[in-house]
Amino acid sequence: MSALIHNFVVHQLRINQQQELVLVPRTSCFEINPAIEDLAQQINHAFNLKPAKGVGCFAAEKSDNNFALLLDNMLQGELGFVDFSVQASEQLKKSLLDTASVETGFVIFSHYQFLATDYLLITILNTKQHVEINSQLELTSSDHLDLAKMQLAVRIDLTQLATMAQQQRYISFIKGRMGRKVSDFFMHFIGCQELVDVKQQNKQLLHTVDAFLAAEQLDPQEKHQARQSVADYYKEKLEQGDDIQITELASKLPQHHSTFEQFNQSAEQPLEAHFQADRSALKNLAKFSGQGGGVSLSFERHLLGDRISYDAGSDTLMIRGIPPNLKDQLSKA
């Protein structure tokens, strides 16, 4: 599914000869052509794939938040997109200096529409060198944006900001890298307050689904089908970069005694009505896994009760049909 690109511009943060962090601005947006459309969609897709994103809103009134004020001026037509992006990049540079963080790279501002929703995505990307070989068997090298290592990015849902700002979850950003929060200076730059712990919401959702399926007294096959429905729903939302909606999810699950939505509302701590999907949750939907005491185990859920059985009384797990490579190692032990 393609996105409609409104504006796309790139600036650069780099260290000059005086060892100072400087901004090298571009003076105009790129012409929207197939190459730019493809790049913008790749950036959006790379952002969607990132796990453990934070969600929040502007922490202060527009008059007290330089970025929010700049954004409002741009959206109201009082400031051109290029001028907005340059002034915002200067704010980003200031935030980096204020938080004693040194980041260099290309600052990309992408304004686009995807699935009838307007977004502004801001990210810092670096390049990596690619070596190519032509038909004459000659080697050439070129630099490419390293999308796989996107770690600094924030995306604002402009449609939600305009229509449902009171829900306070129109900003999402990547969290965590090498033991620290990437969000520190991006939150400072955007003036963002984190409100929803996405990873915790996804963990809680899986526990709530398991509790609901147990309460519905489904047989193992029905439970497997229900979890597969949840997994398919997750995959769809991750691909679209859209939120998990509890109301939508409830329609995917059995409704013998009560709906999942009703079950959630009766919980001691109900789930949020909607939140971002975390890719790591898919693994837990498909597999049992655990480790400790020198043992690490992982197997697909549907095998329990078939090739694998568990006796809670004796705390014993029995596996029938050991994988050939493991069987070979055991026979040689």
C-alpha atoms as a PDB file:
ATOM      1  CA  MET A   1       0.000   0.000   0.000  1.00  0.00           C
ATOM      2  CA  SER A   2       1.573   3.290  -1.113  1.00  0.00           C
ATOM      3  CA  ALA A   3       1.842   6.617   0.678  1.00  0.00           C
ATOM      4  CA  LEU A   4       1.128  10.064  -0.755  1.00  0.00           C
ATOM      5  CA  ILE A   5       4.217  12.240  -0.228  1.00  0.00           C
ATOM      6  CA  HIS A   6       3.516  15.917   0.425  1.00  0.00           C
ATOM      7  CA  ASN A   7       6.999  17.221   1.318  1.00  0.00           C
ATOM      8  CA  PHE A   8      10.419  15.621   1.651  1.00  0.00           C
ATOM      9  CA  VAL A   9      13.633  17.407   2.589  1.00  0.00           C
ATOM     10  CA  VAL A  10      17.049  16.467   4.005  1.00  0.00           C
ATOM     11  CA  HIS A  11      19.575  18.527   5.994  1.00  0.00           C
ATOM     12  CA  GLN A  12      22.893  17.442   7.490  1.00  0.00           C
ATOM     13  CA  LEU A  13      24.381  17.616  10.968  1.00  0.00           C
ATOM     14  CA  ARG A  14      28.156  17.301  10.888  1.00  0.00           C
ATOM     15  CA  ILE A  15      31.316  18.241  12.748  1.00  0.00           C
ATOM     16  CA  ASN A  16      33.285  21.092  11.115  1.00  0.00           C
ATOM     17  CA  GLN A  17      37.032  21.710  11.165  1.00  0.00           C
ATOM     18  CA  GLN A  18      36.712  23.543  14.479  1.00  0.00           C
ATOM     19  CA  GLN A  19      35.144  20.368  15.941  1.00  0.00           C
ATOM     20  CA  GLU A  20      31.788  22.115  16.275  1.00  0.00           C
ATOM     21  CA  LEU A  21      28.403  20.570  15.523  1.00  0.00           C
ATOM     22  CA  VAL A  22      26.910  22.505  12.611  1.00  0.00           C
ATOM     23  CA  LEU A  23      23.797  22.264  10.468  1.00  0.00           C
ATOM     24  CA  VAL A  24      24.163  22.216   6.687  1.00  0.00           C
ATOM     25  CA  PRO A  25      20.667  23.026   5.380  1.00  0.00           C
ATOM     26  CA  ARG A  26      19.124  22.248   2.016  1.00  0.00           C
ATOM     27  CA  THR A  27      17.373  25.216   0.425  1.00  0.00           C
ATOM     28  CA  SER A  28      14.414  23.393  -1.118  1.00  0.00           C
ATOM     29  CA  CYS A  29      12.314  20.243  -0.891  1.00  0.00           C
ATOM     30  CA  PHE A  30      13.013  17.368  -3.214  1.00  0.00           C
ATOM     31  CA  GLU A  31      10.826  17.051  -6.267  1.00  0.00           C
ATOM     32  CA  ILE A  32       8.385  14.221  -5.580  1.00  0.00           C
ATOM     33  CA  ASN A  33       9.337  11.533  -8.089  1.00  0.00           C
ATOM     34  CA  PRO A  34       9.226   7.710  -7.947  1.00  0.00           C
ATOM     35  CA  ALA A  35      12.669   7.542  -6.293  1.00  0.00           C
ATOM     36  CA  ILE A  36      11.654   9.925  -3.490  1.00  0.00           C
ATOM     37  CA  GLU A  37       8.314   8.147  -3.066  1.00  0.00           C
ATOM     38  CA  ASP A  38      10.126   4.832  -2.733  1.00  0.00           C
ATOM     39  CA  LEU A  39      12.618   6.248  -0.215  1.00  0.00           C
ATOM     40  CA  ALA A  40       9.884   7.867   1.889  1.00  0.00           C
ATOM     41  CA  GLN A  41       7.954   4.595   1.982  1.00  0.00           C
ATOM     42  CA  GLN A  42      11.081   2.667   2.950  1.00  0.00           C
ATOM     43  CA  ILE A  43      11.672   5.096   5.829  1.00  0.00           C
ATOM     44  CA  ASN A  44       8.056   4.754   6.977  1.00  0.00           C
ATOM     45  CA  HIS A  45       8.330   0.951   6.769  1.00  0.00           C
ATOM     46  CA  ALA A  46      11.620   0.945   8.701  1.00  0.00           C
ATOM     47  CA  PHE A  47       9.995   3.028  11.446  1.00  0.00           C
ATOM     48  CA  ASN A  48       7.001   0.680  11.621  1.00  0.00           C
ATOM     49  CA  LEU A  49       9.323  -2.313  12.082  1.00  0.00           C
ATOM     50  CA  LYS A  50      11.095  -0.818  15.085  1.00  0.00           C
ATOM     51  CA  PRO A  51       9.999  -2.411  18.383  1.00  0.00           C
ATOM     52  CA  ALA A  52       9.519  -0.753  21.769  1.00  0.00           C
ATOM     53  CA  LYS A  53       8.383   2.681  20.652  1.00  0.00           C
ATOM     54  CA  GLY A  54       7.234   5.305  23.114  1.00  0.00           C
ATOM     55  CA  VAL A  55       3.946   7.199  22.775  1.00  0.00           C
ATOM     56  CA  GLY A  56       3.035  10.609  24.094  1.00  0.00           C
ATOM     57  CA  CYS A  57       2.044  14.197  23.401  1.00  0.00           C
ATOM     58  CA  PHE A  58       3.392  17.748  23.649  1.00  0.00           C
ATOM     59  CA  ALA A  59       4.265  18.392  27.280  1.00  0.00           C
ATOM     60  CA  ALA A  60       3.487  22.110  27.234  1.00  0.00           C
ATOM     61  CA  GLU A  61       1.298  24.678  25.518  1.00  0.00           C
ATOM     62  CA  LYS A  62       2.332  25.707  22.010  1.00  0.00           C
ATOM     63  CA  SER A  63       3.521  29.092  23.257  1.00  0.00           C
ATOM     64  CA  ASP A  64       5.982  27.332  25.595  1.00  0.00           C
ATOM     65  CA  ASN A  65       7.143  24.709  23.086  1.00  0.00           C
ATOM     66  CA  ASN A  66       9.272  25.984  20.226  1.00  0.00           C
ATOM     67  CA  PHE A  67       8.802  22.890  18.085  1.00  0.00           C
ATOM     68  CA  ALA A  68       5.024  22.754  18.581  1.00  0.00           C
ATOM     69  CA  LEU A  69       4.787  26.431  17.669  1.00  0.00           C
ATOM     70  CA  LEU A  70       6.895  25.929  14.533  1.00  0.00           C
ATOM     71  CA  LEU A  71       4.760  22.943  13.552  1.00  0.00           C
ATOM     72  CA  ASP A  72       1.534  24.896  14.069  1.00  0.00           C
ATOM     73  CA  ASN A  73       2.855  27.782  11.959  1.00  0.00           C
ATOM     74  CA  MET A  74       3.743  25.343   9.169  1.00  0.00           C
ATOM     75  CA  LEU A  75       0.366  23.602   9.287  1.00  0.00           C
ATOM     76  CA  GLN A  76      -1.422  26.979   9.247  1.00  0.00           C
ATOM     77  CA  GLY A  77       0.532  28.026   6.148  1.00  0.00           C
ATOM     78  CA  GLU A  78       2.409  30.787   7.949  1.00  0.00           C
ATOM     79  CA  LEU A  79       5.740  29.010   7.494  1.00  0.00           C
ATOM     80  CA  GLY A  80       6.971  27.074   4.454  1.00  0.00           C
ATOM     81  CA  PHE A  81       7.945  23.449   4.924  1.00  0.00           C
ATOM     82  CA  VAL A  82      11.643  24.069   4.171  1.00  0.00           C
ATOM     83  CA  ASP A  83      11.848  27.005   6.609  1.00  0.00           C
ATOM     84  CA  PHE A  84      10.029  24.907   9.209  1.00  0.00           C
ATOM     85  CA  SER A  85      12.458  22.012   8.734  1.00  0.00           C
ATOM     86  CA  VAL A  86      15.535  24.275   8.945  1.00  0.00           C
ATOM     87  CA  GLN A  87      14.342  26.016  12.108  1.00  0.00           C
ATOM     88  CA  ALA A  88      13.339  22.676  13.629  1.00  0.00           C
ATOM     89  CA  SER A  89      16.767  21.241  12.766  1.00  0.00           C
ATOM     90  CA  GLU A  90      18.385  24.172  14.565  1.00  0.00           C
ATOM     91  CA  GLN A  91      16.225  23.290  17.577  1.00  0.00           C
ATOM     92  CA  LEU A  92      17.382  19.678  17.280  1.00  0.00           C
ATOM     93  CA  LYS A  93      21.021  20.784  17.203  1.00  0.00           C
ATOM     94  CA  LYS A  94      20.426  22.914  20.308  1.00  0.00           C
ATOM     95  CA  SER A  95      18.814  19.951  22.085  1.00  0.00           C
ATOM     96  CA  LEU A  96      21.779  17.755  21.228  1.00  0.00           C
ATOM     97  CA  LEU A  97      24.154  20.355  22.671  1.00  0.00           C
ATOM     98  CA  ASP A  98      21.962  20.957  25.745  1.00  0.00           C
ATOM     99  CA  THR A  99      21.899  17.232  26.551  1.00  0.00           C
ATOM    100  CA  ALA A 100      25.621  16.771  25.749  1.00  0.00           C
ATOM    101  CA  SER A 101      24.753  14.337  22.969  1.00  0.00           C
ATOM    102  CA  VAL A 102      26.722  14.300  19.753  1.00  0.00           C
ATOM    103  CA  GLU A 103      24.872  12.870  16.772  1.00  0.00           C
ATOM    104  CA  THR A 104      25.749  13.480  13.155  1.00  0.00           C
ATOM    105  CA  GLY A 105      24.002  12.398   9.993  1.00  0.00           C
ATOM    106  CA  PHE A 106      21.240  13.368   7.622  1.00  0.00           C
ATOM    107  CA  VAL A 107      18.130  14.886   9.197  1.00  0.00           C
ATOM    108  CA  ILE A 108      15.137  13.821   7.135  1.00  0.00           C
ATOM    109  CA  PHE A 109      11.718  15.477   7.287  1.00  0.00           C
ATOM    110  CA  SER A 110       9.010  13.459   5.541  1.00  0.00           C
ATOM    111  CA  HIS A 111       5.433  14.773   5.389  1.00  0.00           C
ATOM    112  CA  TYR A 112       3.086  12.174   3.917  1.00  0.00           C
ATOM    113  CA  GLN A 113      -0.343  10.586   3.975  1.00  0.00           C
ATOM    114  CA  PHE A 114      -0.753   6.874   4.625  1.00  0.00           C
ATOM    115  CA  LEU A 115      -4.114   5.118   5.007  1.00  0.00           C
ATOM    116  CA  ALA A 116      -5.959   8.471   5.108  1.00  0.00           C
ATOM    117  CA  THR A 117      -3.743   9.727   7.953  1.00  0.00           C
ATOM    118  CA  ASP A 118      -1.264  12.612   7.689  1.00  0.00           C
ATOM    119  CA  TYR A 119       2.133  12.086   9.314  1.00  0.00           C
ATOM    120  CA  LEU A 120       5.331  14.012   9.873  1.00  0.00           C
ATOM    121  CA  LEU A 121       8.340  11.740  10.383  1.00  0.00           C
ATOM    122  CA  ILE A 122      11.705  13.145  11.456  1.00  0.00           C
ATOM    123  CA  THR A 123      14.754  10.910  11.612  1.00  0.00           C
ATOM    124  CA  ILE A 124      18.542  11.095  11.647  1.00  0.00           C
ATOM    125  CA  LEU A 125      20.168   8.540   9.363  1.00  0.00           C
ATOM    126  CA  ASN A 126      23.773   7.833   8.516  1.00  0.00           C
ATOM    127  CA  THR A 127      25.153   6.160   5.420  1.00  0.00           C
ATOM    128  CA  LYS A 128      27.035   2.967   4.757  1.00  0.00           C
ATOM    129  CA  GLN A 129      29.177   2.093   1.773  1.00  0.00           C
ATOM    130  CA  HIS A 130      27.987  -0.419  -0.799  1.00  0.00           C
ATOM    131  CA  VAL A 131      30.283  -2.111  -3.299  1.00  0.00           C
ATOM    132  CA  GLU A 132      28.763  -2.974  -6.674  1.00  0.00           C
ATOM    133  CA  ILE A 133      30.081  -4.844  -9.697  1.00  0.00           C
ATOM    134  CA  ASN A 134      29.075  -3.851 -13.235  1.00  0.00           C
ATOM    135  CA  SER A 135      28.772  -5.843 -16.452  1.00  0.00           C
ATOM    136  CA  GLN A 136      32.475  -5.229 -17.187  1.00  0.00           C
ATOM    137  CA  LEU A 137      33.283  -6.833 -13.806  1.00  0.00           C
ATOM    138  CA  GLU A 138      34.552  -3.538 -12.422  1.00  0.00           C
ATOM    139  CA  LEU A 139      33.975  -2.626  -8.801  1.00  0.00           C
ATOM    140  CA  THR A 140      32.379   0.673  -7.826  1.00  0.00           C
ATOM    141  CA  SER A 141      31.360   1.990  -4.423  1.00  0.00           C
ATOM    142  CA  SER A 142      28.585   4.316  -3.334  1.00  0.00           C
ATOM    143  CA  ASP A 143      27.020   5.529  -0.097  1.00  0.00           C
ATOM    144  CA  HIS A 144      23.463   4.526   0.840  1.00  0.00           C
ATOM    145  CA  LEU A 145      21.247   5.647   3.713  1.00  0.00           C
ATOM    146  CA  ASP A 146      21.444   2.968   6.399  1.00  0.00           C
ATOM    147  CA  LEU A 147      17.735   2.369   7.068  1.00  0.00           C
ATOM    148  CA  ALA A 148      18.430  -0.858   8.965  1.00  0.00           C
ATOM    149  CA  LYS A 149      20.161   1.143  11.707  1.00  0.00           C
ATOM    150  CA  MET A 150      17.431   3.738  12.190  1.00  0.00           C
ATOM    151  CA  GLN A 151      17.596   4.574  15.889  1.00  0.00           C
ATOM    152  CA  LEU A 152      16.706   8.262  16.057  1.00  0.00           C
ATOM    153  CA  ALA A 153      13.188   8.920  14.814  1.00  0.00           C
ATOM    154  CA  VAL A 154       9.946  10.542  15.863  1.00  0.00           C
ATOM    155  CA  ARG A 155       6.602  10.443  14.043  1.00  0.00           C
ATOM    156  CA  ILE A 156       3.687  12.794  14.652  1.00  0.00           C
ATOM    157  CA  ASP A 157       0.176  11.767  13.672  1.00  0.00           C
ATOM    158  CA  LEU A 158      -0.994  15.134  12.325  1.00  0.00           C
ATOM    159  CA  THR A 159      -4.545  13.906  11.793  1.00  0.00           C
ATOM    160  CA  GLN A 160      -4.892  12.812  15.413  1.00  0.00           C
ATOM    161  CA  LEU A 161      -3.225  16.012  16.591  1.00  0.00           C
ATOM    162  CA  ALA A 162      -5.866  18.019  14.709  1.00  0.00           C
ATOM    163  CA  THR A 163      -8.921  15.947  15.639  1.00  0.00           C
ATOM    164  CA  MET A 164      -8.193  14.025  18.873  1.00  0.00           C
ATOM    165  CA  ALA A 165      -5.364  15.861  20.608  1.00  0.00           C
ATOM    166  CA  GLN A 166      -7.077  15.272  23.964  1.00  0.00           C
ATOM    167  CA  GLN A 167      -6.186  11.574  23.750  1.00  0.00           C
ATOM    168  CA  GLN A 168      -2.541  12.660  24.112  1.00  0.00           C
ATOM    169  CA  ARG A 169      -0.927   9.932  22.015  1.00  0.00           C
ATOM    170  CA  TYR A 170      -0.197  11.510  18.648  1.00  0.00           C
ATOM    171  CA  ILE A 171       3.613  11.308  18.985  1.00  0.00           C
ATOM    172  CA  SER A 172       5.572   8.062  18.715  1.00  0.00           C
ATOM    173  CA  PHE A 173       9.328   7.646  18.934  1.00  0.00           C
ATOM    174  CA  ILE A 174      11.999   4.950  18.980  1.00  0.00           C
ATOM    175  CA  LYS A 175      13.338   4.046  22.413  1.00  0.00           C
ATOM    176  CA  GLY A 176      16.532   2.437  23.612  1.00  0.00           C
ATOM    177  CA  ARG A 177      19.975   1.901  22.158  1.00  0.00           C
ATOM    178  CA  MET A 178      23.033   0.444  23.817  1.00  0.00           C
ATOM    179  CA  GLY A 179      21.605   0.742  27.303  1.00  0.00           C
ATOM    180  CA  ARG A 180      20.282   4.296  27.120  1.00  0.00           C
ATOM    181  CA  LYS A 181      17.160   6.058  25.975  1.00  0.00           C
ATOM    182  CA  VAL A 182      17.448   7.499  22.512  1.00  0.00           C
ATOM    183  CA  SER A 183      14.288   9.346  23.385  1.00  0.00           C
ATOM    184  CA  ASP A 184      16.074  11.696  25.810  1.00  0.00           C
ATOM    185  CA  PHE A 185      17.126  14.360  23.341  1.00  0.00           C
ATOM    186  CA  PHE A 186      14.317  13.693  20.885  1.00  0.00           C
ATOM    187  CA  MET A 187      11.790  14.228  23.675  1.00  0.00           C
ATOM    188  CA  HIS A 188      13.660  17.397  24.610  1.00  0.00           C
ATOM    189  CA  PHE A 189      13.681  18.519  20.970  1.00  0.00           C
ATOM    190  CA  ILE A 190       9.992  17.801  20.357  1.00  0.00           C
ATOM    191  CA  GLY A 191       8.883  18.782  23.858  1.00  0.00           C
ATOM    192  CA  CYS A 192       7.243  15.375  24.238  1.00  0.00           C
ATOM    193  CA  GLN A 193       5.876  13.713  27.340  1.00  0.00           C
ATOM    194  CA  GLU A 194       5.699   9.911  27.273  1.00  0.00           C
ATOM    195  CA  LEU A 195       2.327   8.622  28.486  1.00  0.00           C
ATOM    196  CA  VAL A 196       1.928   5.023  27.325  1.00  0.00           C
ATOM    197  CA  ASP A 197       4.392   2.159  27.937  1.00  0.00           C
ATOM    198  CA  VAL A 198       3.860   0.305  24.661  1.00  0.00           C
ATOM    199  CA  LYS A 199       5.900  -2.765  25.557  1.00  0.00           C
ATOM    200  CA  GLN A 200       4.059  -3.209  28.858  1.00  0.00           C
ATOM    201  CA  GLN A 201       0.668  -2.808  27.148  1.00  0.00           C
ATOM    202  CA  ASN A 202       1.574  -5.549  24.661  1.00  0.00           C
ATOM    203  CA  LYS A 203       2.728  -7.890  27.442  1.00  0.00           C
ATOM    204  CA  GLN A 204      -0.461  -7.225  29.365  1.00  0.00           C
ATOM    205  CA  LEU A 205      -2.540  -7.874  26.253  1.00  0.00           C
ATOM    206  CA  LEU A 206      -1.053 -11.368  25.830  1.00  0.00           C
ATOM    207  CA  HIS A 207      -1.739 -12.185  29.501  1.00  0.00           C
ATOM    208  CA  THR A 208      -5.309 -10.895  29.143  1.00  0.00           C
ATOM    209  CA  VAL A 209      -5.875 -12.959  25.971  1.00  0.00           C
ATOM    210  CA  ASP A 210      -4.641 -16.114  27.747  1.00  0.00           C
ATOM    211  CA  ALA A 211      -6.883 -15.412  30.749  1.00  0.00           C
ATOM    212  CA  PHE A 212      -9.864 -14.773  28.472  1.00  0.00           C
ATOM    213  CA  LEU A 213      -9.361 -18.011  26.503  1.00  0.00           C
ATOM    214  CA  ALA A 214      -9.086 -19.950  29.775  1.00  0.00           C
ATOM    215  CA  ALA A 215     -12.282 -18.345  31.096  1.00  0.00           C
ATOM    216  CA  GLU A 216     -14.112 -19.269  27.888  1.00  0.00           C
ATOM    217  CA  GLN A 217     -13.182 -22.931  28.517  1.00  0.00           C
ATOM    218  CA  LEU A 218     -12.100 -23.544  24.920  1.00  0.00           C
ATOM    219  CA  ASP A 219     -10.539 -26.786  23.763  1.00  0.00           C
ATOM    220  CA  PRO A 220      -6.856 -26.739  22.667  1.00  0.00           C
ATOM    221  CA  GLN A 221      -7.717 -26.426  18.958  1.00  0.00           C
ATOM    222  CA  GLU A 222     -10.046 -23.486  19.581  1.00  0.00           C
ATOM    223  CA  LYS A 223      -7.377 -21.783  21.682  1.00  0.00           C
ATOM    224  CA  HIS A 224      -4.815 -22.298  18.916  1.00  0.00           C
ATOM    225  CA  GLN A 225      -7.172 -20.829  16.310  1.00  0.00           C
ATOM    226  CA  ALA A 226      -7.936 -17.848  18.561  1.00  0.00           C
ATOM    227  CA  ARG A 227      -4.239 -17.125  19.109  1.00  0.00           C
ATOM    228  CA  GLN A 228      -3.628 -17.435  15.370  1.00  0.00           C
ATOM    229  CA  SER A 229      -6.360 -14.837  14.797  1.00  0.00           C
ATOM    230  CA  VAL A 230      -4.624 -12.512  17.250  1.00  0.00           C
ATOM    231  CA  ALA A 231      -1.267 -13.131  15.504  1.00  0.00           C
ATOM    232  CA  ASP A 232      -2.780 -12.383  12.076  1.00  0.00           C
ATOM    233  CA  TYR A 233      -4.284  -9.176  13.469  1.00  0.00           C
ATOM    234  CA  TYR A 234      -0.881  -8.188  14.894  1.00  0.00           C
ATOM    235  CA  LYS A 235       0.836  -8.798  11.554  1.00  0.00           C
ATOM    236  CA  GLU A 236      -1.726  -6.633   9.774  1.00  0.00           C
ATOM    237  CA  LYS A 237      -1.302  -3.757  12.244  1.00  0.00           C
ATOM    238  CA  LEU A 238       2.495  -3.967  12.192  1.00  0.00           C
ATOM    239  CA  GLU A 239       2.527  -3.857   8.388  1.00  0.00           C
ATOM    240  CA  GLN A 240       0.233  -0.831   8.346  1.00  0.00           C
ATOM    241  CA  GLY A 241       1.962   0.901  11.253  1.00  0.00           C
ATOM    242  CA  ASP A 242      -1.439   1.192  12.900  1.00  0.00           C
ATOM    243  CA  ASP A 243      -2.545   0.774  16.518  1.00  0.00           C
ATOM    244  CA  ILE A 244      -3.987  -2.309  18.169  1.00  0.00           C
ATOM    245  CA  GLN A 245      -7.663  -1.510  18.767  1.00  0.00           C
ATOM    246  CA  ILE A 246      -9.246  -3.520  21.603  1.00  0.00           C
ATOM    247  CA  THR A 247     -12.699  -3.255  19.980  1.00  0.00           C
ATOM    248  CA  GLU A 248     -11.354  -4.635  16.688  1.00  0.00           C
ATOM    249  CA  LEU A 249      -9.393  -7.384  18.413  1.00  0.00           C
ATOM    250  CA  ALA A 250     -12.472  -8.449  20.368  1.00  0.00           C
ATOM    251  CA  SER A 251     -14.277  -9.204  17.101  1.00  0.00           C
ATOM    252  CA  LYS A 252     -11.504 -11.667  16.176  1.00  0.00           C
ATOM    253  CA  LEU A 253     -11.961 -13.766  19.329  1.00  0.00           C
ATOM    254  CA  PRO A 254     -14.680 -16.268  20.393  1.00  0.00           C
ATOM    255  CA  GLN A 255     -17.688 -14.820  22.217  1.00  0.00           C
ATOM    256  CA  HIS A 256     -19.281 -17.782  24.012  1.00  0.00           C
ATOM    257  CA  HIS A 257     -19.878 -16.240  27.448  1.00  0.00           C
ATOM    258  CA  SER A 258     -18.653 -12.662  27.090  1.00  0.00           C
ATOM    259  CA  THR A 259     -16.718 -10.525  24.650  1.00  0.00           C
ATOM    260  CA  PHE A 260     -13.011  -9.872  25.045  1.00  0.00           C
ATOM    261  CA  GLU A 261     -13.829  -6.179  25.360  1.00  0.00           C
ATOM    262  CA  GLN A 262     -16.135  -6.875  28.341  1.00  0.00           C
ATOM    263  CA  PHE A 263     -13.545  -9.206  29.883  1.00  0.00           C
ATOM    264  CA  ASN A 264     -10.893  -6.498  29.579  1.00  0.00           C
ATOM    265  CA  GLN A 265     -13.107  -3.830  31.148  1.00  0.00           C
ATOM    266  CA  SER A 266     -13.747  -6.065  34.151  1.00  0.00           C
ATOM    267  CA  ALA A 267     -10.010  -6.560  34.749  1.00  0.00           C
ATOM    268  CA  GLU A 268      -8.319  -4.866  37.708  1.00  0.00           C
ATOM    269  CA  GLN A 269      -6.170  -2.826  35.286  1.00  0.00           C
ATOM    270  CA  PRO A 270      -7.893  -2.698  31.875  1.00  0.00           C
ATOM    271  CA  LEU A 271      -5.833  -2.275  28.731  1.00  0.00           C
ATOM    272  CA  GLU A 272      -5.787   1.052  26.926  1.00  0.00           C
ATOM    273  CA  ALA A 273      -8.435   1.302  24.189  1.00  0.00           C
ATOM    274  CA  HIS A 274      -5.663   1.396  21.583  1.00  0.00           C
ATOM    275  CA  PHE A 275      -1.858   1.278  21.539  1.00  0.00           C
ATOM    276  CA  GLN A 276       0.971   0.453  19.159  1.00  0.00           C
ATOM    277  CA  ALA A 277       1.754  -3.156  18.312  1.00  0.00           C
ATOM    278  CA  ASP A 278       5.107  -4.515  19.488  1.00  0.00           C
ATOM    279  CA  ARG A 279       6.677  -7.042  17.112  1.00  0.00           C
ATOM    280  CA  SER A 280       8.136  -9.117  19.955  1.00  0.00           C
ATOM    281  CA  ALA A 281       4.581 -10.022  21.024  1.00  0.00           C
ATOM    282  CA  LEU A 282       4.210 -12.141  17.875  1.00  0.00           C
ATOM    283  CA  LYS A 283       6.836 -14.595  19.138  1.00  0.00           C
ATOM    284  CA  ASN A 284       4.956 -15.131  22.391  1.00  0.00           C
ATOM    285  CA  LEU A 285       1.725 -15.759  20.501  1.00  0.00           C
ATOM    286  CA  ALA A 286       3.339 -18.495  18.437  1.00  0.00           C
ATOM    287  CA  LYS A 287       5.735 -20.131  20.896  1.00  0.00           C
ATOM    288  CA  PHE A 288       6.372 -21.201  24.468  1.00  0.00           C
ATOM    289  CA  SER A 289       9.892 -20.288  25.521  1.00  0.00           C
ATOM    290  CA  GLY A 290      11.972 -19.979  28.649  1.00  0.00           C
ATOM    291  CA  GLN A 291      15.408 -20.435  30.082  1.00  0.00           C
ATOM    292  CA  GLY A 292      17.124 -20.919  33.410  1.00  0.00           C
ATOM    293  CA  GLY A 293      19.439 -23.238  35.252  1.00  0.00           C
ATOM    294  CA  GLY A 294      21.426 -23.937  32.098  1.00  0.00           C
ATOM    295  CA  VAL A 295      18.319 -24.985  30.122  1.00  0.00           C
ATOM    296  CA  SER A 296      16.822 -23.068  27.215  1.00  0.00           C
ATOM    297  CA  LEU A 297      13.608 -24.292  25.570  1.00  0.00           C
ATOM    298  CA  SER A 298      11.366 -23.004  22.808  1.00  0.00           C
ATOM    299  CA  PHE A 299       8.607 -24.749  20.901  1.00  0.00           C
ATOM    300  CA  GLU A 300       5.478 -23.886  18.946  1.00  0.00           C
ATOM    301  CA  ARG A 301       2.323 -23.657  21.044  1.00  0.00           C
ATOM    302  CA  HIS A 302       0.295 -26.062  18.910  1.00  0.00           C
ATOM    303  CA  LEU A 303       2.716 -28.889  19.783  1.00  0.00           C
ATOM    304  CA  LEU A 304       1.616 -28.882  23.428  1.00  0.00           C
ATOM    305  CA  GLY A 305      -0.701 -31.839  23.921  1.00  0.00           C
ATOM    306  CA  ASP A 306       0.573 -33.453  20.725  1.00  0.00           C
ATOM    307  CA  ARG A 307       4.314 -34.110  20.554  1.00  0.00           C
ATOM    308  CA  ILE A 308       4.929 -32.316  23.836  1.00  0.00           C
ATOM    309  CA  SER A 309       3.154 -32.910  27.138  1.00  0.00           C
ATOM    310  CA  TYR A 310       3.525 -31.238  30.529  1.00  0.00           C
ATOM    311  CA  ASP A 311       2.844 -32.810  33.928  1.00  0.00           C
ATOM    312  CA  ALA A 312       2.466 -30.003  36.464  1.00  0.00           C
ATOM    313  CA  GLY A 313       2.511 -32.460  39.402  1.00  0.00           C
ATOM    314  CA  SER A 314       5.973 -33.792  38.634  1.00  0.00           C
ATOM    315  CA  ASP A 315       7.136 -30.609  36.873  1.00  0.00           C
ATOM    316  CA  THR A 316       8.072 -32.723  33.847  1.00  0.00           C
ATOM    317  CA  LEU A 317       8.055 -31.876  30.147  1.00  0.00           C
ATOM    318  CA  MET A 318       7.991 -34.840  27.743  1.00  0.00           C
ATOM    319  CA  ILE A 319       9.069 -34.380  24.120  1.00  0.00           C
ATOM    320  CA  ARG A 320       8.301 -36.958  21.444  1.00  0.00           C
ATOM    321  CA  GLY A 321      10.074 -36.647  18.131  1.00  0.00           C
ATOM    322  CA  ILE A 322      13.325 -34.937  19.100  1.00  0.00           C
ATOM    323  CA  PRO A 323      14.820 -32.762  16.302  1.00  0.00           C
ATOM    324  CA  PRO A 324      17.389 -34.827  14.317  1.00  0.00           C
ATOM    325  CA  ASN A 325      20.322 -32.468  14.936  1.00  0.00           C
ATOM    326  CA  LEU A 326      19.673 -32.535  18.703  1.00  0.00           C
ATOM    327  CA  LYS A 327      19.171 -36.311  18.638  1.00  0.00           C
ATOM    328  CA  ASP A 328      22.524 -36.700  16.886  1.00  0.00           C
ATOM    329  CA  GLN A 329      24.290 -34.618  19.544  1.00  0.00           C
ATOM    330  CA  LEU A 330      22.658 -36.600  22.355  1.00  0.00           C
ATOM    331  CA  SER A 331      23.631 -39.928  20.827  1.00  0.00           C
ATOM    332  CA  LYS A 332      27.279 -38.813  20.754  1.00  0.00           C
ATOM    333  CA  ALA A 333      27.354 -37.420  24.278  1.00  0.00           C
END
